Amino acid sequence: MQDYNNILNDLNKVFIPCRTVLEMEALISVYLIDHNYEHIKEVPQSRPSSENLINILGITDNALYMDIIEHFINYAIPKLKPIVTYARDNYDRIRMGNIIPYSKARVCVYLALHQLKLKFLIIKSIMDKFKEKIISDTESISNKKEDKSNSYLLMFAEEYYLKNKMNLIIMFPKSKASERVKKLLNNQDSITGEKLLDMASSREFFDKENIIKFIMREIKASVFVCKLMFAKMDLSNPFSRNEETMIDAENIMLSNDFIPELIPASCKNLDKGNIKQFNSCINAFNFLLEKVLVGINRAIDIASRGQIQIGLYEPIYYTGNILSI
């Protein structure tokens, strides 16, 4: 009952009211199927209007996509307030603005950061499961001949797809919809939960050849949406500390040397029974993952002005048993 109450609470307070975040993520992910992220990487810093963003993405002929962007840019973004990033001395006291009302207006930002962090936590949960498997079954894996079907990457693809879809199903309940969506139910271009689920979790792109591309599109879409909102809050680089110029969390997230390189290499070594090389890949993966999660937690801390403090491997919102199954 407690688990149900946790999910119901988040549905009523976060997932449904901030559905526009999920819509934007799905739209950008679909856009990235045929376009390079470099084409839109710097767009958030220009704080585009809905018209500009529609033209940049080239979707003037798609009423559904145009509605998603117009609602996000014209209704969600304006609610955000700039982050106070300075303090001033006044009679020997440090004075800062009251940030509680601003924090309440940033719920959509928290959902976007939750989505971004959860993608990495899902990947970690799968790789942790693989590592546990080789610990309990080292001999059989070590003696295993190379599998031309690349079975571990296929297992990774299947599990990521299922966990990702489980998360989206929680947030797209069939019996609930936002008031904006309800008004569109009789329109063939309406934004239904089923359409969003199909946009965000198309099985066509989950197989072993495409799973890494699918994951990277999802991550880039989340980063893009986060940065659109942080740009409104006058913060251009929310994920990296100024003093850590050598390690940029955002660059790691998007780097070809991180997920695109280490996940397939880890799975390939498992298929060949190369446990030592697999462990080297996992150690490198965990090292970079920690930098990424620290960066995301920093963005959460900044957006909430320290009111939200969570562990390195802890999501903002309740996710059921997605990470443990």
C-alpha atoms as a PDB file:
ATOM      1  CA  MET A   1       0.000   0.000   0.000  1.00  0.00           C
ATOM      2  CA  GLN A   2       2.868   2.359   0.813  1.00  0.00           C
ATOM      3  CA  ASP A   3       4.411   1.780  -2.628  1.00  0.00           C
ATOM      4  CA  TYR A   4       1.071   2.526  -4.283  1.00  0.00           C
ATOM      5  CA  ASN A   5       0.686   5.719  -2.263  1.00  0.00           C
ATOM      6  CA  ASN A   6       4.194   6.849  -3.271  1.00  0.00           C
ATOM      7  CA  ILE A   7       3.431   6.380  -6.957  1.00  0.00           C
ATOM      8  CA  LEU A   8      -0.011   7.980  -6.658  1.00  0.00           C
ATOM      9  CA  ASN A   9       1.467  10.980  -4.867  1.00  0.00           C
ATOM     10  CA  ASP A  10       4.079  11.520  -7.573  1.00  0.00           C
ATOM     11  CA  LEU A  11       1.468  11.072 -10.309  1.00  0.00           C
ATOM     12  CA  ASN A  12      -0.777  13.747  -8.835  1.00  0.00           C
ATOM     13  CA  LYS A  13       1.963  16.218  -7.915  1.00  0.00           C
ATOM     14  CA  VAL A  14       4.647  15.697 -10.524  1.00  0.00           C
ATOM     15  CA  PHE A  15       4.199  13.283 -13.445  1.00  0.00           C
ATOM     16  CA  ILE A  16       0.822  14.506 -14.689  1.00  0.00           C
ATOM     17  CA  PRO A  17       1.278  18.270 -14.033  1.00  0.00           C
ATOM     18  CA  CYS A  18       4.766  18.146 -15.599  1.00  0.00           C
ATOM     19  CA  ARG A  19       3.857  15.862 -18.453  1.00  0.00           C
ATOM     20  CA  THR A  20       5.141  18.534 -20.829  1.00  0.00           C
ATOM     21  CA  VAL A  21       8.713  17.555 -19.849  1.00  0.00           C
ATOM     22  CA  LEU A  22       8.121  13.986 -20.999  1.00  0.00           C
ATOM     23  CA  GLU A  23       6.515  15.225 -24.199  1.00  0.00           C
ATOM     24  CA  MET A  24       9.542  17.376 -25.014  1.00  0.00           C
ATOM     25  CA  GLU A  25      11.973  14.546 -24.265  1.00  0.00           C
ATOM     26  CA  ALA A  26      10.059  12.209 -26.560  1.00  0.00           C
ATOM     27  CA  LEU A  27       9.928  14.816 -29.332  1.00  0.00           C
ATOM     28  CA  ILE A  28      13.661  15.606 -29.187  1.00  0.00           C
ATOM     29  CA  SER A  29      14.521  11.900 -29.095  1.00  0.00           C
ATOM     30  CA  VAL A  30      12.481  11.320 -32.250  1.00  0.00           C
ATOM     31  CA  TYR A  31      14.144  14.339 -33.889  1.00  0.00           C
ATOM     32  CA  LEU A  32      17.587  12.885 -33.144  1.00  0.00           C
ATOM     33  CA  ILE A  33      16.808   9.731 -35.112  1.00  0.00           C
ATOM     34  CA  ASP A  34      17.574  11.662 -38.304  1.00  0.00           C
ATOM     35  CA  HIS A  35      19.588  14.637 -37.022  1.00  0.00           C
ATOM     36  CA  ASN A  36      22.893  15.191 -35.239  1.00  0.00           C
ATOM     37  CA  TYR A  37      22.726  16.571 -31.695  1.00  0.00           C
ATOM     38  CA  GLU A  38      25.464  19.077 -32.576  1.00  0.00           C
ATOM     39  CA  HIS A  39      22.902  20.930 -34.696  1.00  0.00           C
ATOM     40  CA  ILE A  40      20.843  21.849 -31.615  1.00  0.00           C
ATOM     41  CA  LYS A  41      23.389  21.588 -28.804  1.00  0.00           C
ATOM     42  CA  GLU A  42      23.752  25.355 -28.335  1.00  0.00           C
ATOM     43  CA  VAL A  43      20.086  26.208 -28.954  1.00  0.00           C
ATOM     44  CA  PRO A  44      19.082  26.366 -25.245  1.00  0.00           C
ATOM     45  CA  GLN A  45      21.492  29.248 -24.606  1.00  0.00           C
ATOM     46  CA  SER A  46      19.566  31.407 -27.080  1.00  0.00           C
ATOM     47  CA  ARG A  47      16.351  30.909 -25.089  1.00  0.00           C
ATOM     48  CA  PRO A  48      14.357  30.255 -28.264  1.00  0.00           C
ATOM     49  CA  SER A  49      10.737  31.213 -28.647  1.00  0.00           C
ATOM     50  CA  SER A  50       8.312  28.448 -29.541  1.00  0.00           C
ATOM     51  CA  GLU A  51       8.266  29.691 -33.141  1.00  0.00           C
ATOM     52  CA  ASN A  52      12.051  29.661 -33.366  1.00  0.00           C
ATOM     53  CA  LEU A  53      12.358  26.181 -31.892  1.00  0.00           C
ATOM     54  CA  ILE A  54       9.668  24.827 -34.215  1.00  0.00           C
ATOM     55  CA  ASN A  55      11.573  26.253 -37.196  1.00  0.00           C
ATOM     56  CA  ILE A  56      14.933  24.959 -35.935  1.00  0.00           C
ATOM     57  CA  LEU A  57      13.524  21.450 -35.569  1.00  0.00           C
ATOM     58  CA  GLY A  58      11.734  21.710 -38.913  1.00  0.00           C
ATOM     59  CA  ILE A  59       8.349  20.497 -37.672  1.00  0.00           C
ATOM     60  CA  THR A  60       6.040  23.197 -39.031  1.00  0.00           C
ATOM     61  CA  ASP A  61       3.970  20.519 -40.747  1.00  0.00           C
ATOM     62  CA  ASN A  62       3.335  18.454 -37.591  1.00  0.00           C
ATOM     63  CA  ALA A  63       0.513  19.817 -35.433  1.00  0.00           C
ATOM     64  CA  LEU A  64       1.189  17.349 -32.604  1.00  0.00           C
ATOM     65  CA  TYR A  65       4.858  18.301 -32.273  1.00  0.00           C
ATOM     66  CA  MET A  66       4.091  22.014 -32.595  1.00  0.00           C
ATOM     67  CA  ASP A  67       1.597  21.777 -29.741  1.00  0.00           C
ATOM     68  CA  ILE A  68       4.187  20.062 -27.526  1.00  0.00           C
ATOM     69  CA  ILE A  69       6.746  22.809 -28.113  1.00  0.00           C
ATOM     70  CA  GLU A  70       4.261  25.661 -27.752  1.00  0.00           C
ATOM     71  CA  HIS A  71       3.012  24.338 -24.430  1.00  0.00           C
ATOM     72  CA  PHE A  72       6.514  23.726 -23.063  1.00  0.00           C
ATOM     73  CA  ILE A  73       8.015  27.049 -24.172  1.00  0.00           C
ATOM     74  CA  ASN A  74       4.976  29.278 -23.598  1.00  0.00           C
ATOM     75  CA  TYR A  75       3.554  27.775 -20.396  1.00  0.00           C
ATOM     76  CA  ALA A  76       6.165  25.684 -18.563  1.00  0.00           C
ATOM     77  CA  ILE A  77       9.318  27.757 -19.147  1.00  0.00           C
ATOM     78  CA  PRO A  78       7.847  31.132 -18.052  1.00  0.00           C
ATOM     79  CA  LYS A  79       7.074  29.719 -14.596  1.00  0.00           C
ATOM     80  CA  LEU A  80      10.777  29.349 -13.865  1.00  0.00           C
ATOM     81  CA  LYS A  81      12.603  32.104 -11.994  1.00  0.00           C
ATOM     82  CA  PRO A  82      16.324  32.941 -12.239  1.00  0.00           C
ATOM     83  CA  ILE A  83      18.561  31.314  -9.655  1.00  0.00           C
ATOM     84  CA  VAL A  84      20.158  33.679  -7.160  1.00  0.00           C
ATOM     85  CA  THR A  85      23.824  32.876  -7.596  1.00  0.00           C
ATOM     86  CA  TYR A  86      25.248  35.656  -5.500  1.00  0.00           C
ATOM     87  CA  ALA A  87      25.043  37.011  -1.967  1.00  0.00           C
ATOM     88  CA  ARG A  88      25.604  40.581  -0.875  1.00  0.00           C
ATOM     89  CA  ASP A  89      26.909  41.994   2.389  1.00  0.00           C
ATOM     90  CA  ASN A  90      24.549  44.276   4.253  1.00  0.00           C
ATOM     91  CA  TYR A  91      25.520  45.403   7.725  1.00  0.00           C
ATOM     92  CA  ASP A  92      27.866  42.448   8.130  1.00  0.00           C
ATOM     93  CA  ARG A  93      25.107  39.960   7.219  1.00  0.00           C
ATOM     94  CA  ILE A  94      24.861  37.854   4.111  1.00  0.00           C
ATOM     95  CA  ARG A  95      21.418  38.314   2.620  1.00  0.00           C
ATOM     96  CA  MET A  96      19.834  36.177  -0.068  1.00  0.00           C
ATOM     97  CA  GLY A  97      16.340  36.049  -1.549  1.00  0.00           C
ATOM     98  CA  ASN A  98      13.601  33.735  -0.343  1.00  0.00           C
ATOM     99  CA  ILE A  99      13.868  30.728  -2.645  1.00  0.00           C
ATOM    100  CA  ILE A 100      11.047  28.528  -1.363  1.00  0.00           C
ATOM    101  CA  PRO A 101       8.402  29.900  -3.785  1.00  0.00           C
ATOM    102  CA  TYR A 102      10.887  29.556  -6.648  1.00  0.00           C
ATOM    103  CA  SER A 103      11.626  25.971  -5.696  1.00  0.00           C
ATOM    104  CA  LYS A 104       7.930  25.079  -5.892  1.00  0.00           C
ATOM    105  CA  ALA A 105       7.868  26.520  -9.409  1.00  0.00           C
ATOM    106  CA  ARG A 106      10.750  24.247 -10.430  1.00  0.00           C
ATOM    107  CA  VAL A 107       8.993  20.899 -10.164  1.00  0.00           C
ATOM    108  CA  CYS A 108       9.304  20.394 -13.922  1.00  0.00           C
ATOM    109  CA  VAL A 109      13.067  20.901 -13.625  1.00  0.00           C
ATOM    110  CA  TYR A 110      13.243  18.221 -10.937  1.00  0.00           C
ATOM    111  CA  LEU A 111      11.332  15.785 -13.153  1.00  0.00           C
ATOM    112  CA  ALA A 112      13.707  16.459 -16.064  1.00  0.00           C
ATOM    113  CA  LEU A 113      16.729  15.873 -13.809  1.00  0.00           C
ATOM    114  CA  HIS A 114      15.074  12.744 -12.391  1.00  0.00           C
ATOM    115  CA  GLN A 115      14.589  11.405 -15.916  1.00  0.00           C
ATOM    116  CA  LEU A 116      18.190  12.111 -16.848  1.00  0.00           C
ATOM    117  CA  LYS A 117      19.603  10.493 -13.718  1.00  0.00           C
ATOM    118  CA  LEU A 118      17.295   7.493 -13.949  1.00  0.00           C
ATOM    119  CA  LYS A 119      18.598   6.603 -17.407  1.00  0.00           C
ATOM    120  CA  PHE A 120      22.109   6.224 -15.992  1.00  0.00           C
ATOM    121  CA  LEU A 121      20.849   4.349 -12.926  1.00  0.00           C
ATOM    122  CA  ILE A 122      19.020   1.859 -15.155  1.00  0.00           C
ATOM    123  CA  ILE A 123      22.223   1.224 -17.098  1.00  0.00           C
ATOM    124  CA  LYS A 124      24.130   0.780 -13.832  1.00  0.00           C
ATOM    125  CA  SER A 125      21.539  -1.673 -12.498  1.00  0.00           C
ATOM    126  CA  ILE A 126      21.944  -3.872 -15.579  1.00  0.00           C
ATOM    127  CA  MET A 127      25.742  -3.801 -15.503  1.00  0.00           C
ATOM    128  CA  ASP A 128      25.693  -4.555 -11.767  1.00  0.00           C
ATOM    129  CA  LYS A 129      23.537  -7.591 -12.513  1.00  0.00           C
ATOM    130  CA  PHE A 130      26.035  -8.781 -15.113  1.00  0.00           C
ATOM    131  CA  LYS A 131      28.871  -8.350 -12.627  1.00  0.00           C
ATOM    132  CA  GLU A 132      27.003 -10.314  -9.962  1.00  0.00           C
ATOM    133  CA  LYS A 133      26.395 -13.055 -12.521  1.00  0.00           C
ATOM    134  CA  ILE A 134      30.082 -13.497 -13.319  1.00  0.00           C
ATOM    135  CA  ILE A 135      30.956 -13.587  -9.627  1.00  0.00           C
ATOM    136  CA  SER A 136      28.531 -16.463  -9.065  1.00  0.00           C
ATOM    137  CA  ASP A 137      29.257 -18.216 -12.355  1.00  0.00           C
ATOM    138  CA  THR A 138      32.876 -17.335 -13.173  1.00  0.00           C
ATOM    139  CA  GLU A 139      33.975 -20.777 -14.330  1.00  0.00           C
ATOM    140  CA  SER A 140      31.255 -21.296 -16.903  1.00  0.00           C
ATOM    141  CA  ILE A 141      31.686 -17.782 -18.330  1.00  0.00           C
ATOM    142  CA  SER A 142      35.482 -18.090 -18.436  1.00  0.00           C
ATOM    143  CA  ASN A 143      35.185 -21.309 -20.435  1.00  0.00           C
ATOM    144  CA  LYS A 144      32.581 -19.874 -22.760  1.00  0.00           C
ATOM    145  CA  LYS A 145      33.440 -19.553 -26.445  1.00  0.00           C
ATOM    146  CA  GLU A 146      32.690 -16.318 -28.255  1.00  0.00           C
ATOM    147  CA  ASP A 147      28.998 -16.024 -29.097  1.00  0.00           C
ATOM    148  CA  LYS A 148      28.553 -14.559 -32.567  1.00  0.00           C
ATOM    149  CA  SER A 149      25.060 -13.371 -31.607  1.00  0.00           C
ATOM    150  CA  ASN A 150      26.627 -11.007 -29.045  1.00  0.00           C
ATOM    151  CA  SER A 151      24.208 -12.322 -26.437  1.00  0.00           C
ATOM    152  CA  TYR A 152      25.114 -10.024 -23.547  1.00  0.00           C
ATOM    153  CA  LEU A 153      24.494  -6.883 -25.575  1.00  0.00           C
ATOM    154  CA  LEU A 154      21.183  -8.387 -26.656  1.00  0.00           C
ATOM    155  CA  MET A 155      20.312  -9.089 -23.001  1.00  0.00           C
ATOM    156  CA  PHE A 156      21.351  -5.551 -22.110  1.00  0.00           C
ATOM    157  CA  ALA A 157      19.141  -4.157 -24.883  1.00  0.00           C
ATOM    158  CA  GLU A 158      16.141  -6.219 -23.798  1.00  0.00           C
ATOM    159  CA  GLU A 159      16.440  -5.275 -20.139  1.00  0.00           C
ATOM    160  CA  TYR A 160      17.048  -1.577 -20.782  1.00  0.00           C
ATOM    161  CA  TYR A 161      14.025  -1.445 -23.054  1.00  0.00           C
ATOM    162  CA  LEU A 162      11.787  -3.147 -20.483  1.00  0.00           C
ATOM    163  CA  LYS A 163      12.956  -1.021 -17.543  1.00  0.00           C
ATOM    164  CA  ASN A 164      12.666   2.171 -19.551  1.00  0.00           C
ATOM    165  CA  LYS A 165       9.157   1.244 -20.623  1.00  0.00           C
ATOM    166  CA  MET A 166       8.165   0.313 -17.051  1.00  0.00           C
ATOM    167  CA  ASN A 167       9.212   3.784 -15.938  1.00  0.00           C
ATOM    168  CA  LEU A 168       7.204   5.447 -18.707  1.00  0.00           C
ATOM    169  CA  ILE A 169       4.112   3.341 -17.983  1.00  0.00           C
ATOM    170  CA  ILE A 170       4.182   4.588 -14.387  1.00  0.00           C
ATOM    171  CA  MET A 171       4.133   8.163 -15.653  1.00  0.00           C
ATOM    172  CA  PHE A 172       1.633   7.624 -18.489  1.00  0.00           C
ATOM    173  CA  PRO A 173      -1.363   6.074 -16.690  1.00  0.00           C
ATOM    174  CA  LYS A 174      -4.168   5.259 -19.090  1.00  0.00           C
ATOM    175  CA  SER A 175      -6.874   6.351 -16.643  1.00  0.00           C
ATOM    176  CA  LYS A 176      -5.387   9.786 -16.028  1.00  0.00           C
ATOM    177  CA  ALA A 177      -4.533  12.744 -18.229  1.00  0.00           C
ATOM    178  CA  SER A 178      -3.816  16.429 -17.840  1.00  0.00           C
ATOM    179  CA  GLU A 179      -6.644  18.902 -18.399  1.00  0.00           C
ATOM    180  CA  ARG A 180      -4.947  20.103 -21.578  1.00  0.00           C
ATOM    181  CA  VAL A 181      -4.885  16.571 -22.937  1.00  0.00           C
ATOM    182  CA  LYS A 182      -8.500  15.888 -21.965  1.00  0.00           C
ATOM    183  CA  LYS A 183      -9.606  18.837 -24.112  1.00  0.00           C
ATOM    184  CA  LEU A 184      -7.877  17.269 -27.082  1.00  0.00           C
ATOM    185  CA  LEU A 185      -9.191  13.731 -26.726  1.00  0.00           C
ATOM    186  CA  ASN A 186     -11.561  14.089 -29.678  1.00  0.00           C
ATOM    187  CA  ASN A 187      -8.788  15.421 -31.913  1.00  0.00           C
ATOM    188  CA  GLN A 188      -6.903  12.915 -34.054  1.00  0.00           C
ATOM    189  CA  ASP A 189      -3.737  14.931 -33.315  1.00  0.00           C
ATOM    190  CA  SER A 190      -4.276  14.729 -29.544  1.00  0.00           C
ATOM    191  CA  ILE A 191      -1.348  13.971 -27.255  1.00  0.00           C
ATOM    192  CA  THR A 192      -2.427  10.703 -25.671  1.00  0.00           C
ATOM    193  CA  GLY A 193      -0.423   8.614 -23.265  1.00  0.00           C
ATOM    194  CA  GLU A 194      -0.312   5.822 -25.807  1.00  0.00           C
ATOM    195  CA  LYS A 195       1.190   8.109 -28.450  1.00  0.00           C
ATOM    196  CA  LEU A 196       3.788   9.426 -26.032  1.00  0.00           C
ATOM    197  CA  LEU A 197       4.680   5.929 -24.916  1.00  0.00           C
ATOM    198  CA  ASP A 198       5.135   4.883 -28.522  1.00  0.00           C
ATOM    199  CA  MET A 199       7.276   7.966 -29.264  1.00  0.00           C
ATOM    200  CA  ALA A 200       9.486   7.415 -26.232  1.00  0.00           C
ATOM    201  CA  SER A 201       9.875   3.645 -26.342  1.00  0.00           C
ATOM    202  CA  SER A 202       9.670   2.508 -29.958  1.00  0.00           C
ATOM    203  CA  ARG A 203      10.832  -1.113 -29.977  1.00  0.00           C
ATOM    204  CA  GLU A 204      12.170  -0.600 -33.482  1.00  0.00           C
ATOM    205  CA  PHE A 205      15.280   1.011 -32.009  1.00  0.00           C
ATOM    206  CA  PHE A 206      16.030  -1.254 -29.060  1.00  0.00           C
ATOM    207  CA  ASP A 207      17.736  -4.242 -30.683  1.00  0.00           C
ATOM    208  CA  LYS A 208      21.418  -4.948 -30.130  1.00  0.00           C
ATOM    209  CA  GLU A 209      22.565  -2.932 -33.140  1.00  0.00           C
ATOM    210  CA  ASN A 210      20.592   0.148 -32.164  1.00  0.00           C
ATOM    211  CA  ILE A 211      20.309   0.061 -28.369  1.00  0.00           C
ATOM    212  CA  ILE A 212      23.322   2.326 -27.788  1.00  0.00           C
ATOM    213  CA  LYS A 213      22.029   4.853 -30.322  1.00  0.00           C
ATOM    214  CA  PHE A 214      18.615   4.663 -28.638  1.00  0.00           C
ATOM    215  CA  ILE A 215      20.107   5.302 -25.185  1.00  0.00           C
ATOM    216  CA  MET A 216      22.263   8.177 -26.401  1.00  0.00           C
ATOM    217  CA  ARG A 217      19.269   9.826 -28.070  1.00  0.00           C
ATOM    218  CA  GLU A 218      17.371   9.534 -24.800  1.00  0.00           C
ATOM    219  CA  ILE A 219      20.245  11.030 -22.796  1.00  0.00           C
ATOM    220  CA  LYS A 220      20.788  13.865 -25.265  1.00  0.00           C
ATOM    221  CA  ALA A 221      17.063  14.632 -25.248  1.00  0.00           C
ATOM    222  CA  SER A 222      17.070  14.815 -21.436  1.00  0.00           C
ATOM    223  CA  VAL A 223      20.156  17.046 -21.402  1.00  0.00           C
ATOM    224  CA  PHE A 224      18.597  19.333 -24.015  1.00  0.00           C
ATOM    225  CA  VAL A 225      15.338  19.725 -22.065  1.00  0.00           C
ATOM    226  CA  CYS A 226      17.217  20.328 -18.798  1.00  0.00           C
ATOM    227  CA  LYS A 227      19.369  23.004 -20.409  1.00  0.00           C
ATOM    228  CA  LEU A 228      16.352  24.777 -21.915  1.00  0.00           C
ATOM    229  CA  MET A 229      15.021  25.214 -18.392  1.00  0.00           C
ATOM    230  CA  PHE A 230      18.333  26.063 -16.758  1.00  0.00           C
ATOM    231  CA  ALA A 231      18.942  28.711 -19.430  1.00  0.00           C
ATOM    232  CA  LYS A 232      15.744  30.389 -18.267  1.00  0.00           C
ATOM    233  CA  MET A 233      17.201  30.287 -14.737  1.00  0.00           C
ATOM    234  CA  ASP A 234      20.390  32.024 -15.952  1.00  0.00           C
ATOM    235  CA  LEU A 235      22.603  28.964 -15.559  1.00  0.00           C
ATOM    236  CA  SER A 236      24.338  27.733 -18.696  1.00  0.00           C
ATOM    237  CA  ASN A 237      26.311  24.811 -17.259  1.00  0.00           C
ATOM    238  CA  PRO A 238      24.420  23.275 -14.328  1.00  0.00           C
ATOM    239  CA  PHE A 239      26.248  19.931 -14.303  1.00  0.00           C
ATOM    240  CA  SER A 240      29.881  20.936 -13.803  1.00  0.00           C
ATOM    241  CA  ARG A 241      31.715  22.842 -11.094  1.00  0.00           C
ATOM    242  CA  ASN A 242      33.887  25.725 -12.246  1.00  0.00           C
ATOM    243  CA  GLU A 243      36.900  24.377 -10.385  1.00  0.00           C
ATOM    244  CA  GLU A 244      36.626  20.996 -12.121  1.00  0.00           C
ATOM    245  CA  THR A 245      37.573  22.218 -15.571  1.00  0.00           C
ATOM    246  CA  MET A 246      39.312  18.940 -16.413  1.00  0.00           C
ATOM    247  CA  ILE A 247      36.171  16.849 -15.840  1.00  0.00           C
ATOM    248  CA  ASP A 248      32.970  18.168 -17.394  1.00  0.00           C
ATOM    249  CA  ALA A 249      30.007  15.987 -16.412  1.00  0.00           C
ATOM    250  CA  GLU A 250      27.934  17.011 -19.418  1.00  0.00           C
ATOM    251  CA  ASN A 251      30.742  16.196 -21.834  1.00  0.00           C
ATOM    252  CA  ILE A 252      31.116  12.766 -20.226  1.00  0.00           C
ATOM    253  CA  MET A 253      27.389  12.067 -20.599  1.00  0.00           C
ATOM    254  CA  LEU A 254      27.582  12.744 -24.325  1.00  0.00           C
ATOM    255  CA  SER A 255      31.053  11.340 -24.969  1.00  0.00           C
ATOM    256  CA  ASN A 256      31.573   8.424 -27.341  1.00  0.00           C
ATOM    257  CA  ASP A 257      34.230   7.166 -24.916  1.00  0.00           C
ATOM    258  CA  PHE A 258      31.627   6.532 -22.189  1.00  0.00           C
ATOM    259  CA  ILE A 259      28.443   4.566 -22.926  1.00  0.00           C
ATOM    260  CA  PRO A 260      28.962   4.016 -26.696  1.00  0.00           C
ATOM    261  CA  GLU A 261      32.405   2.561 -26.029  1.00  0.00           C
ATOM    262  CA  LEU A 262      32.271   0.870 -22.620  1.00  0.00           C
ATOM    263  CA  ILE A 263      28.880  -0.888 -22.730  1.00  0.00           C
ATOM    264  CA  PRO A 264      29.489  -2.789 -26.013  1.00  0.00           C
ATOM    265  CA  ALA A 265      33.077  -3.543 -24.938  1.00  0.00           C
ATOM    266  CA  SER A 266      31.889  -4.915 -21.586  1.00  0.00           C
ATOM    267  CA  CYS A 267      29.297  -7.134 -23.258  1.00  0.00           C
ATOM    268  CA  LYS A 268      31.773  -8.328 -25.893  1.00  0.00           C
ATOM    269  CA  ASN A 269      34.272  -9.335 -23.201  1.00  0.00           C
ATOM    270  CA  LEU A 270      31.565 -11.262 -21.378  1.00  0.00           C
ATOM    271  CA  ASP A 271      30.659 -13.080 -24.586  1.00  0.00           C
ATOM    272  CA  LYS A 272      34.310 -14.043 -25.051  1.00  0.00           C
ATOM    273  CA  GLY A 273      34.752 -14.969 -21.390  1.00  0.00           C
ATOM    274  CA  ASN A 274      37.385 -12.255 -20.874  1.00  0.00           C
ATOM    275  CA  ILE A 275      36.601 -11.539 -17.226  1.00  0.00           C
ATOM    276  CA  LYS A 276      39.715  -9.456 -16.565  1.00  0.00           C
ATOM    277  CA  GLN A 277      38.981  -7.153 -19.497  1.00  0.00           C
ATOM    278  CA  PHE A 278      35.319  -6.979 -18.484  1.00  0.00           C
ATOM    279  CA  ASN A 279      36.299  -5.833 -14.989  1.00  0.00           C
ATOM    280  CA  SER A 280      38.557  -3.170 -16.496  1.00  0.00           C
ATOM    281  CA  CYS A 281      35.663  -1.870 -18.585  1.00  0.00           C
ATOM    282  CA  ILE A 282      33.335  -1.859 -15.583  1.00  0.00           C
ATOM    283  CA  ASN A 283      35.862   0.002 -13.444  1.00  0.00           C
ATOM    284  CA  ALA A 284      36.227   2.659 -16.142  1.00  0.00           C
ATOM    285  CA  PHE A 285      32.446   2.825 -16.543  1.00  0.00           C
ATOM    286  CA  ASN A 286      31.852   3.265 -12.790  1.00  0.00           C
ATOM    287  CA  PHE A 287      34.546   5.938 -12.573  1.00  0.00           C
ATOM    288  CA  LEU A 288      32.938   8.027 -15.311  1.00  0.00           C
ATOM    289  CA  LEU A 289      29.421   7.280 -14.067  1.00  0.00           C
ATOM    290  CA  GLU A 290      30.295   8.686 -10.664  1.00  0.00           C
ATOM    291  CA  LYS A 291      31.395  11.958 -12.278  1.00  0.00           C
ATOM    292  CA  VAL A 292      28.130  12.108 -14.225  1.00  0.00           C
ATOM    293  CA  LEU A 293      25.956  11.449 -11.167  1.00  0.00           C
ATOM    294  CA  VAL A 294      27.867  14.002  -9.098  1.00  0.00           C
ATOM    295  CA  GLY A 295      27.165  16.525 -11.844  1.00  0.00           C
ATOM    296  CA  ILE A 296      23.452  15.714 -11.930  1.00  0.00           C
ATOM    297  CA  ASN A 297      23.224  15.904  -8.135  1.00  0.00           C
ATOM    298  CA  ARG A 298      24.926  19.274  -8.316  1.00  0.00           C
ATOM    299  CA  ALA A 299      22.238  20.496 -10.742  1.00  0.00           C
ATOM    300  CA  ILE A 300      19.550  19.186  -8.376  1.00  0.00           C
ATOM    301  CA  ASP A 301      21.209  20.952  -5.455  1.00  0.00           C
ATOM    302  CA  ILE A 302      21.432  24.235  -7.380  1.00  0.00           C
ATOM    303  CA  ALA A 303      17.849  24.102  -8.643  1.00  0.00           C
ATOM    304  CA  SER A 304      16.521  23.440  -5.127  1.00  0.00           C
ATOM    305  CA  ARG A 305      19.031  25.713  -3.375  1.00  0.00           C
ATOM    306  CA  GLY A 306      20.085  22.789  -1.226  1.00  0.00           C
ATOM    307  CA  GLN A 307      16.578  21.721  -0.253  1.00  0.00           C
ATOM    308  CA  ILE A 308      16.841  18.417  -2.131  1.00  0.00           C
ATOM    309  CA  GLN A 309      19.729  16.258  -0.922  1.00  0.00           C
ATOM    310  CA  ILE A 310      19.860  12.720  -2.300  1.00  0.00           C
ATOM    311  CA  GLY A 311      22.427   9.954  -2.495  1.00  0.00           C
ATOM    312  CA  LEU A 312      24.642   9.443  -5.504  1.00  0.00           C
ATOM    313  CA  TYR A 313      22.665   6.395  -6.684  1.00  0.00           C
ATOM    314  CA  GLU A 314      19.249   7.615  -5.544  1.00  0.00           C
ATOM    315  CA  PRO A 315      16.577   9.004  -7.912  1.00  0.00           C
ATOM    316  CA  ILE A 316      14.526  12.052  -6.956  1.00  0.00           C
ATOM    317  CA  TYR A 317      11.167  10.314  -7.259  1.00  0.00           C
ATOM    318  CA  TYR A 318       9.965   6.851  -6.319  1.00  0.00           C
ATOM    319  CA  THR A 319      10.568   4.329  -9.112  1.00  0.00           C
ATOM    320  CA  GLY A 320       9.082   1.168  -7.653  1.00  0.00           C
ATOM    321  CA  ASN A 321      11.297  -1.881  -8.202  1.00  0.00           C
ATOM    322  CA  ILE A 322      12.624  -0.819 -11.615  1.00  0.00           C
ATOM    323  CA  LEU A 323      16.226  -0.645 -10.433  1.00  0.00           C
ATOM    324  CA  SER A 324      16.151  -3.835  -8.353  1.00  0.00           C
ATOM    325  CA  ILE A 325      14.470  -6.387 -10.627  1.00  0.00           C
END
